[in-house]
C-alpha atoms as a PDB file:
ATOM      1  CA  UNK A   1      61.646  32.222   1.125  1.00  0.00           C
ATOM      2  CA  UNK A   2      59.412  30.091   3.379  1.00  0.00           C
ATOM      3  CA  UNK A   3      57.542  33.145   4.698  1.00  0.00           C
ATOM      4  CA  UNK A   4      56.963  34.497   1.196  1.00  0.00           C
ATOM      5  CA  UNK A   5      56.110  31.026  -0.113  1.00  0.00           C
ATOM      6  CA  UNK A   6      53.309  30.762   2.415  1.00  0.00           C
ATOM      7  CA  UNK A   7      51.838  34.082   1.244  1.00  0.00           C
ATOM      8  CA  UNK A   8      52.156  32.960  -2.376  1.00  0.00           C
ATOM      9  CA  UNK A   9      50.399  29.663  -1.624  1.00  0.00           C
ATOM     10  CA  UNK A  10      47.517  31.411   0.159  1.00  0.00           C
ATOM     11  CA  UNK A  11      46.880  33.573  -2.906  1.00  0.00           C
ATOM     12  CA  UNK A  12      47.415  30.747  -5.412  1.00  0.00           C
ATOM     13  CA  UNK A  13      44.878  28.584  -3.579  1.00  0.00           C
ATOM     14  CA  UNK A  14      42.248  31.284  -4.121  1.00  0.00           C
ATOM     15  CA  UNK A  15      43.101  31.477  -7.833  1.00  0.00           C
ATOM     16  CA  UNK A  16      43.107  27.676  -8.231  1.00  0.00           C
ATOM     17  CA  UNK A  17      39.722  27.314  -6.556  1.00  0.00           C
ATOM     18  CA  UNK A  18      38.192  29.916  -8.869  1.00  0.00           C
ATOM     19  CA  UNK A  19      39.698  28.322 -11.981  1.00  0.00           C
ATOM     20  CA  UNK A  20      38.695  24.802 -11.021  1.00  0.00           C
ATOM     21  CA  UNK A  21      35.164  25.894 -10.122  1.00  0.00           C
ATOM     22  CA  UNK A  22      34.715  27.026 -13.746  1.00  0.00           C
ATOM     23  CA  UNK A  23      35.357  23.496 -14.985  1.00  0.00           C
ATOM     24  CA  UNK A  24      32.042  21.766 -15.833  1.00  0.00           C
ATOM     25  CA  UNK A  25      33.442  18.590 -14.275  1.00  0.00           C
ATOM     26  CA  UNK A  26      34.584  20.418 -11.133  1.00  0.00           C
ATOM     27  CA  UNK A  27      32.472  18.420  -8.678  1.00  0.00           C
ATOM     28  CA  UNK A  28      33.678  15.084 -10.049  1.00  0.00           C
ATOM     29  CA  UNK A  29      37.274  16.316 -10.127  1.00  0.00           C
ATOM     30  CA  UNK A  30      37.160  17.267  -6.489  1.00  0.00           C
ATOM     31  CA  UNK A  31      35.419  14.093  -5.453  1.00  0.00           C
ATOM     32  CA  UNK A  32      38.426  12.308  -6.925  1.00  0.00           C
ATOM     33  CA  UNK A  33      40.749  14.720  -5.159  1.00  0.00           C
ATOM     34  CA  UNK A  34      38.936  14.089  -1.897  1.00  0.00           C
ATOM     35  CA  UNK A  35      39.308  10.345  -2.447  1.00  0.00           C
ATOM     36  CA  UNK A  36      43.046  10.860  -2.956  1.00  0.00           C
ATOM     37  CA  UNK A  37      43.237  12.229   0.566  1.00  0.00           C
ATOM     38  CA  UNK A  38      41.507   9.133   1.911  1.00  0.00           C
ATOM     39  CA  UNK A  39      44.377   7.125   0.458  1.00  0.00           C
ATOM     40  CA  UNK A  40      47.000   9.295   2.160  1.00  0.00           C
ATOM     41  CA  UNK A  41      49.487   7.011   3.870  1.00  0.00           C
ATOM     42  CA  UNK A  42      50.296   9.602   6.512  1.00  0.00           C
ATOM     43  CA  UNK A  43      46.943   9.151   8.236  1.00  0.00           C
ATOM     44  CA  UNK A  44      47.116   5.383   8.243  1.00  0.00           C
ATOM     45  CA  UNK A  45      48.305   3.290  11.133  1.00  0.00           C
ATOM     46  CA  UNK A  46      50.859   0.614  10.283  1.00  0.00           C
ATOM     47  CA  UNK A  47      48.650  -2.496  10.218  1.00  0.00           C
ATOM     48  CA  UNK A  48      51.509  -4.901  10.950  1.00  0.00           C
ATOM     49  CA  UNK A  49      52.635  -2.836  13.941  1.00  0.00           C
ATOM     50  CA  UNK A  50      49.055  -2.594  15.183  1.00  0.00           C
ATOM     51  CA  UNK A  51      48.569  -6.350  14.852  1.00  0.00           C
ATOM     52  CA  UNK A  52      51.749  -6.988  16.838  1.00  0.00           C
ATOM     53  CA  UNK A  53      50.487  -4.860  19.710  1.00  0.00           C
ATOM     54  CA  UNK A  54      46.951  -6.246  19.728  1.00  0.00           C
ATOM     55  CA  UNK A  55      48.312  -9.809  19.672  1.00  0.00           C
ATOM     56  CA  UNK A  56      50.207  -8.893  22.841  1.00  0.00           C
ATOM     57  CA  UNK A  57      46.837  -8.155  24.433  1.00  0.00           C
ATOM     58  CA  UNK A  58      46.742  -4.360  24.201  1.00  0.00           C
ATOM     59  CA  UNK A  59      43.357  -2.796  23.311  1.00  0.00           C
ATOM     60  CA  UNK A  60      43.259  -1.638  19.699  1.00  0.00           C
ATOM     61  CA  UNK A  61      42.273   1.969  20.495  1.00  0.00           C
ATOM     62  CA  UNK A  62      45.186   2.363  22.906  1.00  0.00           C
ATOM     63  CA  UNK A  63      47.558   0.642  20.497  1.00  0.00           C
ATOM     64  CA  UNK A  64      46.591   3.073  17.727  1.00  0.00           C
ATOM     65  CA  UNK A  65      47.177   6.029  20.036  1.00  0.00           C
ATOM     66  CA  UNK A  66      50.523   4.632  21.196  1.00  0.00           C
ATOM     67  CA  UNK A  67      51.716   4.125  17.619  1.00  0.00           C
ATOM     68  CA  UNK A  68      50.737   7.643  16.597  1.00  0.00           C
ATOM     69  CA  UNK A  69      52.453   9.104  19.646  1.00  0.00           C
ATOM     70  CA  UNK A  70      55.605   7.145  18.883  1.00  0.00           C
ATOM     71  CA  UNK A  71      55.805   7.555  15.102  1.00  0.00           C
ATOM     72  CA  UNK A  72      54.788   3.932  14.423  1.00  0.00           C
ATOM     73  CA  UNK A  73      57.645   2.466  16.497  1.00  0.00           C
ATOM     74  CA  UNK A  74      56.376  -0.821  17.977  1.00  0.00           C
ATOM     75  CA  UNK A  75      59.020  -0.880  20.719  1.00  0.00           C
ATOM     76  CA  UNK A  76      58.362   2.674  21.892  1.00  0.00           C
ATOM     77  CA  UNK A  77      54.603   2.202  21.575  1.00  0.00           C
ATOM     78  CA  UNK A  78      54.794  -0.941  23.719  1.00  0.00           C
ATOM     79  CA  UNK A  79      56.801   0.911  26.372  1.00  0.00           C
ATOM     80  CA  UNK A  80      54.193   3.687  26.374  1.00  0.00           C
ATOM     81  CA  UNK A  81      51.348   1.178  26.714  1.00  0.00           C
ATOM     82  CA  UNK A  82      53.022  -0.580  29.644  1.00  0.00           C
ATOM     83  CA  UNK A  83      53.805   2.735  31.322  1.00  0.00           C
ATOM     84  CA  UNK A  84      50.179   3.900  30.959  1.00  0.00           C
ATOM     85  CA  UNK A  85      48.478   0.549  31.597  1.00  0.00           C
ATOM     86  CA  UNK A  86      46.611   1.851  34.651  1.00  0.00           C
ATOM     87  CA  UNK A  87      46.252   5.422  33.447  1.00  0.00           C
ATOM     88  CA  UNK A  88      42.599   6.256  32.619  1.00  0.00           C
ATOM     89  CA  UNK A  89      43.813   9.264  30.605  1.00  0.00           C
ATOM     90  CA  UNK A  90      45.398   6.840  28.131  1.00  0.00           C
ATOM     91  CA  UNK A  91      41.988   6.429  26.518  1.00  0.00           C
ATOM     92  CA  UNK A  92      41.541  10.164  25.965  1.00  0.00           C
ATOM     93  CA  UNK A  93      41.846  11.418  22.362  1.00  0.00           C
ATOM     94  CA  UNK A  94      45.139  12.932  21.285  1.00  0.00           C
ATOM     95  CA  UNK A  95      45.525  16.705  21.712  1.00  0.00           C
ATOM     96  CA  UNK A  96      43.891  18.463  18.799  1.00  0.00           C
ATOM     97  CA  UNK A  97      41.433  15.601  18.261  1.00  0.00           C
ATOM     98  CA  UNK A  98      38.013  15.159  19.826  1.00  0.00           C
ATOM     99  CA  UNK A  99      35.435  12.383  19.538  1.00  0.00           C
ATOM    100  CA  UNK A 100      32.935  14.895  18.142  1.00  0.00           C
ATOM    101  CA  UNK A 101      35.321  15.803  15.315  1.00  0.00           C
ATOM    102  CA  UNK A 102      35.808  12.147  14.452  1.00  0.00           C
ATOM    103  CA  UNK A 103      32.043  11.604  14.482  1.00  0.00           C
ATOM    104  CA  UNK A 104      31.483  14.666  12.314  1.00  0.00           C
ATOM    105  CA  UNK A 105      34.053  13.512   9.768  1.00  0.00           C
ATOM    106  CA  UNK A 106      32.584  10.017   9.697  1.00  0.00           C
ATOM    107  CA  UNK A 107      29.154  11.546   9.173  1.00  0.00           C
ATOM    108  CA  UNK A 108      30.489  13.692   6.359  1.00  0.00           C
ATOM    109  CA  UNK A 109      32.000  10.649   4.649  1.00  0.00           C
ATOM    110  CA  UNK A 110      28.725   8.765   5.023  1.00  0.00           C
ATOM    111  CA  UNK A 111      26.775  11.678   3.593  1.00  0.00           C
ATOM    112  CA  UNK A 112      29.107  11.820   0.625  1.00  0.00           C
ATOM    113  CA  UNK A 113      28.648   8.114  -0.033  1.00  0.00           C
ATOM    114  CA  UNK A 114      24.852   8.285   0.040  1.00  0.00           C
ATOM    115  CA  UNK A 115      24.227  11.819  -1.158  1.00  0.00           C
ATOM    116  CA  UNK A 116      25.208  13.931  -4.107  1.00  0.00           C
ATOM    117  CA  UNK A 117      23.228  16.023  -6.544  1.00  0.00           C
ATOM    118  CA  UNK A 118      20.738  14.386  -8.885  1.00  0.00           C
ATOM    119  CA  UNK A 119      21.131  14.650 -12.612  1.00  0.00           C
ATOM    120  CA  UNK A 120      18.551  17.457 -12.518  1.00  0.00           C
ATOM    121  CA  UNK A 121      20.434  19.503  -9.944  1.00  0.00           C
ATOM    122  CA  UNK A 122      21.030  23.081 -10.951  1.00  0.00           C
ATOM    123  CA  UNK A 123      24.233  25.076 -11.008  1.00  0.00           C
ATOM    124  CA  UNK A 124      23.640  26.401  -7.498  1.00  0.00           C
ATOM    125  CA  UNK A 125      23.451  22.897  -6.033  1.00  0.00           C
ATOM    126  CA  UNK A 126      26.645  21.903  -7.822  1.00  0.00           C
ATOM    127  CA  UNK A 127      28.311  25.062  -6.543  1.00  0.00           C
ATOM    128  CA  UNK A 128      27.182  24.305  -2.983  1.00  0.00           C
ATOM    129  CA  UNK A 129      28.495  20.761  -3.254  1.00  0.00           C
ATOM    130  CA  UNK A 130      31.817  22.037  -4.570  1.00  0.00           C
ATOM    131  CA  UNK A 131      32.054  24.419  -1.608  1.00  0.00           C
ATOM    132  CA  UNK A 132      31.444  21.528   0.781  1.00  0.00           C
ATOM    133  CA  UNK A 133      34.125  19.454  -0.923  1.00  0.00           C
ATOM    134  CA  UNK A 134      36.574  22.370  -0.626  1.00  0.00           C
ATOM    135  CA  UNK A 135      35.803  22.536   3.098  1.00  0.00           C
ATOM    136  CA  UNK A 136      36.223  18.788   3.489  1.00  0.00           C
ATOM    137  CA  UNK A 137      39.588  18.852   1.710  1.00  0.00           C
ATOM    138  CA  UNK A 138      40.803  21.705   3.888  1.00  0.00           C
ATOM    139  CA  UNK A 139      39.582  19.950   7.043  1.00  0.00           C
ATOM    140  CA  UNK A 140      41.523  16.820   6.130  1.00  0.00           C
ATOM    141  CA  UNK A 141      44.635  18.846   5.364  1.00  0.00           C
ATOM    142  CA  UNK A 142      44.464  21.073   8.417  1.00  0.00           C
ATOM    143  CA  UNK A 143      47.522  21.391  10.641  1.00  0.00           C
ATOM    144  CA  UNK A 144      48.312  18.372  12.801  1.00  0.00           C
ATOM    145  CA  UNK A 145      50.283  19.283  15.918  1.00  0.00           C
ATOM    146  CA  UNK A 146      52.923  16.858  17.143  1.00  0.00           C
ATOM    147  CA  UNK A 147      51.145  15.113  20.060  1.00  0.00           C
ATOM    148  CA  UNK A 148      54.349  14.727  22.081  1.00  0.00           C
ATOM    149  CA  UNK A 149      55.175  18.420  21.681  1.00  0.00           C
ATOM    150  CA  UNK A 150      51.632  19.370  22.698  1.00  0.00           C
ATOM    151  CA  UNK A 151      51.834  17.285  25.860  1.00  0.00           C
ATOM    152  CA  UNK A 152      55.312  18.594  26.743  1.00  0.00           C
ATOM    153  CA  UNK A 153      54.301  22.249  26.316  1.00  0.00           C
ATOM    154  CA  UNK A 154      51.004  21.808  28.150  1.00  0.00           C
ATOM    155  CA  UNK A 155      52.934  20.322  31.068  1.00  0.00           C
ATOM    156  CA  UNK A 156      54.753  23.669  31.244  1.00  0.00           C
ATOM    157  CA  UNK A 157      51.436  25.348  32.029  1.00  0.00           C
ATOM    158  CA  UNK A 158      50.269  26.571  28.616  1.00  0.00           C
ATOM    159  CA  UNK A 159      46.729  25.743  27.506  1.00  0.00           C
ATOM    160  CA  UNK A 160      46.098  23.507  24.510  1.00  0.00           C
ATOM    161  CA  UNK A 161      44.883  26.197  22.093  1.00  0.00           C
ATOM    162  CA  UNK A 162      47.921  28.434  22.521  1.00  0.00           C
ATOM    163  CA  UNK A 163      50.220  25.415  22.307  1.00  0.00           C
ATOM    164  CA  UNK A 164      48.652  24.329  19.003  1.00  0.00           C
ATOM    165  CA  UNK A 165      48.940  27.917  17.715  1.00  0.00           C
ATOM    166  CA  UNK A 166      52.611  28.003  18.706  1.00  0.00           C
ATOM    167  CA  UNK A 167      53.365  24.710  16.965  1.00  0.00           C
ATOM    168  CA  UNK A 168      51.483  25.796  13.850  1.00  0.00           C
ATOM    169  CA  UNK A 169      53.435  29.053  13.624  1.00  0.00           C
ATOM    170  CA  UNK A 170      56.716  27.205  14.184  1.00  0.00           C
ATOM    171  CA  UNK A 171      56.190  24.172  11.933  1.00  0.00           C
ATOM    172  CA  UNK A 172      55.816  21.704  14.823  1.00  0.00           C
ATOM    173  CA  UNK A 173      59.244  22.566  16.259  1.00  0.00           C
ATOM    174  CA  UNK A 174      58.862  22.274  20.021  1.00  0.00           C
ATOM    175  CA  UNK A 175      61.778  24.505  21.075  1.00  0.00           C
ATOM    176  CA  UNK A 176      60.818  27.280  18.663  1.00  0.00           C
ATOM    177  CA  UNK A 177      57.196  26.995  19.800  1.00  0.00           C
ATOM    178  CA  UNK A 178      58.300  27.340  23.416  1.00  0.00           C
ATOM    179  CA  UNK A 179      60.285  30.486  22.590  1.00  0.00           C
ATOM    180  CA  UNK A 180      57.257  31.872  20.745  1.00  0.00           C
ATOM    181  CA  UNK A 181      55.017  31.221  23.757  1.00  0.00           C
ATOM    182  CA  UNK A 182      57.480  32.937  26.081  1.00  0.00           C
ATOM    183  CA  UNK A 183      58.157  35.818  23.680  1.00  0.00           C
ATOM    184  CA  UNK A 184      56.070  38.394  21.828  1.00  0.00           C
ATOM    185  CA  UNK A 185      54.202  35.690  19.863  1.00  0.00           C
ATOM    186  CA  UNK A 186      55.032  37.118  16.452  1.00  0.00           C
ATOM    187  CA  UNK A 187      54.015  36.250  13.821  1.00  0.00           C
ATOM    188  CA  UNK A 188      50.488  35.577  15.015  1.00  0.00           C
ATOM    189  CA  UNK A 189      48.433  32.618  13.723  1.00  0.00           C
ATOM    190  CA  UNK A 190      46.287  35.146  11.849  1.00  0.00           C
ATOM    191  CA  UNK A 191      49.373  36.392   9.972  1.00  0.00           C
ATOM    192  CA  UNK A 192      49.774  32.921   8.476  1.00  0.00           C
ATOM    193  CA  UNK A 193      46.541  33.305   6.508  1.00  0.00           C
ATOM    194  CA  UNK A 194      47.505  36.521   4.724  1.00  0.00           C
ATOM    195  CA  UNK A 195      48.284  36.228   1.033  1.00  0.00           C
ATOM    196  CA  UNK A 196      50.705  38.121  -1.168  1.00  0.00           C
ATOM    197  CA  UNK A 197      49.767  41.361  -2.938  1.00  0.00           C
ATOM    198  CA  UNK A 198      48.085  40.006  -6.063  1.00  0.00           C
ATOM    199  CA  UNK A 199      49.185  43.085  -8.026  1.00  0.00           C
ATOM    200  CA  UNK A 200      52.846  42.626  -7.156  1.00  0.00           C
ATOM    201  CA  UNK A 201      55.332  41.893  -9.981  1.00  0.00           C
ATOM    202  CA  UNK A 202      56.216  38.593  -8.277  1.00  0.00           C
ATOM    203  CA  UNK A 203      52.664  37.253  -8.187  1.00  0.00           C
ATOM    204  CA  UNK A 204      51.931  38.463 -11.708  1.00  0.00           C
ATOM    205  CA  UNK A 205      55.079  36.732 -12.995  1.00  0.00           C
ATOM    206  CA  UNK A 206      53.997  33.499 -11.309  1.00  0.00           C
ATOM    207  CA  UNK A 207      50.511  33.672 -12.822  1.00  0.00           C
ATOM    208  CA  UNK A 208      51.923  34.366 -16.290  1.00  0.00           C
ATOM    209  CA  UNK A 209      54.108  31.250 -16.228  1.00  0.00           C
ATOM    210  CA  UNK A 210      52.640  28.550 -18.556  1.00  0.00           C
ATOM    211  CA  UNK A 211      53.637  25.670 -16.263  1.00  0.00           C
ATOM    212  CA  UNK A 212      51.940  27.334 -13.296  1.00  0.00           C
ATOM    213  CA  UNK A 213      48.868  28.172 -15.372  1.00  0.00           C
ATOM    214  CA  UNK A 214      48.490  24.539 -16.392  1.00  0.00           C
ATOM    215  CA  UNK A 215      49.128  23.336 -12.854  1.00  0.00           C
ATOM    216  CA  UNK A 216      46.401  25.549 -11.413  1.00  0.00           C
ATOM    217  CA  UNK A 217      43.815  23.582 -13.411  1.00  0.00           C
ATOM    218  CA  UNK A 218      44.899  20.320 -11.749  1.00  0.00           C
ATOM    219  CA  UNK A 219      43.098  19.456  -8.467  1.00  0.00           C
ATOM    220  CA  UNK A 220      46.246  17.737  -7.242  1.00  0.00           C
ATOM    221  CA  UNK A 221      48.086  21.070  -7.322  1.00  0.00           C
ATOM    222  CA  UNK A 222      45.458  22.591  -5.059  1.00  0.00           C
ATOM    223  CA  UNK A 223      45.839  19.652  -2.679  1.00  0.00           C
ATOM    224  CA  UNK A 224      49.603  20.174  -2.670  1.00  0.00           C
ATOM    225  CA  UNK A 225      49.229  23.884  -1.908  1.00  0.00           C
ATOM    226  CA  UNK A 226      46.785  23.174   0.925  1.00  0.00           C
ATOM    227  CA  UNK A 227      49.063  20.518   2.382  1.00  0.00           C
ATOM    228  CA  UNK A 228      52.241  22.608   2.218  1.00  0.00           C
ATOM    229  CA  UNK A 229      50.394  25.505   3.779  1.00  0.00           C
ATOM    230  CA  UNK A 230      49.636  23.593   6.960  1.00  0.00           C
ATOM    231  CA  UNK A 231      52.405  20.987   6.862  1.00  0.00           C
ATOM    232  CA  UNK A 232      55.545  22.648   5.420  1.00  0.00           C
ATOM    233  CA  UNK A 233      57.619  19.546   6.124  1.00  0.00           C
ATOM    234  CA  UNK A 234      55.663  17.798   3.350  1.00  0.00           C
ATOM    235  CA  UNK A 235      57.042  20.218   0.735  1.00  0.00           C
ATOM    236  CA  UNK A 236      59.747  17.760  -0.336  1.00  0.00           C
ATOM    237  CA  UNK A 237      57.098  15.147  -1.130  1.00  0.00           C
ATOM    238  CA  UNK A 238      55.287  17.546  -3.462  1.00  0.00           C
ATOM    239  CA  UNK A 239      58.529  18.844  -5.014  1.00  0.00           C
ATOM    240  CA  UNK A 240      59.318  15.262  -6.044  1.00  0.00           C
ATOM    241  CA  UNK A 241      55.841  14.598  -7.415  1.00  0.00           C
ATOM    242  CA  UNK A 242      55.810  14.492 -11.254  1.00  0.00           C
ATOM    243  CA  UNK A 243      52.607  16.570 -11.435  1.00  0.00           C
ATOM    244  CA  UNK A 244      53.177  19.187  -8.743  1.00  0.00           C
ATOM    245  CA  UNK A 245      56.991  19.297  -8.728  1.00  0.00           C
ATOM    246  CA  UNK A 246      57.354  21.328 -11.964  1.00  0.00           C
ATOM    247  CA  UNK A 247      54.892  23.933 -10.647  1.00  0.00           C
ATOM    248  CA  UNK A 248      56.801  24.336  -7.381  1.00  0.00           C
ATOM    249  CA  UNK A 249      60.095  24.513  -9.277  1.00  0.00           C
ATOM    250  CA  UNK A 250      58.817  27.359 -11.454  1.00  0.00           C
ATOM    251  CA  UNK A 251      57.521  29.277  -8.430  1.00  0.00           C
ATOM    252  CA  UNK A 252      60.900  28.900  -6.730  1.00  0.00           C
ATOM    253  CA  UNK A 253      62.821  29.995  -9.839  1.00  0.00           C
ATOM    254  CA  UNK A 254      60.620  33.049 -10.379  1.00  0.00           C
ATOM    255  CA  UNK A 255      61.010  34.040  -6.738  1.00  0.00           C
ATOM    256  CA  UNK A 256      64.791  33.655  -6.846  1.00  0.00           C
ATOM    257  CA  UNK A 257      65.059  35.573 -10.133  1.00  0.00           C
ATOM    258  CA  UNK A 258      62.963  38.543  -9.018  1.00  0.00           C
ATOM    259  CA  UNK A 259      64.577  38.554  -5.598  1.00  0.00           C
ATOM    260  CA  UNK A 260      67.993  39.111  -7.191  1.00  0.00           C
ATOM    261  CA  UNK A 261      66.864  42.083  -9.266  1.00  0.00           C
END
């Protein structure tokens, strides 16, 4: 089901974007959706844990990195900081992150705060802004490789790009990623971006479902689809969400029903 679900999500994202773009309030809707991502707890560092480490005398930037590497565990982060106290590489960005990316994202946020179309802006400008917001949402929701797994696999001799590809294909599971790297590397990262046949009975049944139809007009549903696409482990969170859960439940039921026939 997970393989088919990914294909379904890829195609539903395209449909949702087209539907939402038709809404006259689309730009404002997606600005709100983009703001929702800024409030995402997953990207935040535990402030209490960070304060504990900085009060011990550790530099804030290293403390943040240590907490992210150790899943916000103060004890493990402290051990990492002590172990790497004299390691100049400890100040390097985590695998998959670069200073230029951080600068670019900060610049994008600044531009959003100061920019925006004037009241006289035409439809094309609004469309361009909507496209940029789509890109920004996708960039924030893009796959985040497990830093520890990246380091472990790179120490085996693989380069960073192929390691990140392996973890993306295998949902951040280090052992499965290692087997993928040593094997025939199927499916490929490109295969992950292929959608389902939009003329198939399954996809048509999904689109004809009233709950799904309503959900596709909600920006939060698009965010959920984007997130589950790149971070499958977050599916449970969206299944339990009162707005997106019913949509996911209907998709699952339709899949199970048609799969039995």
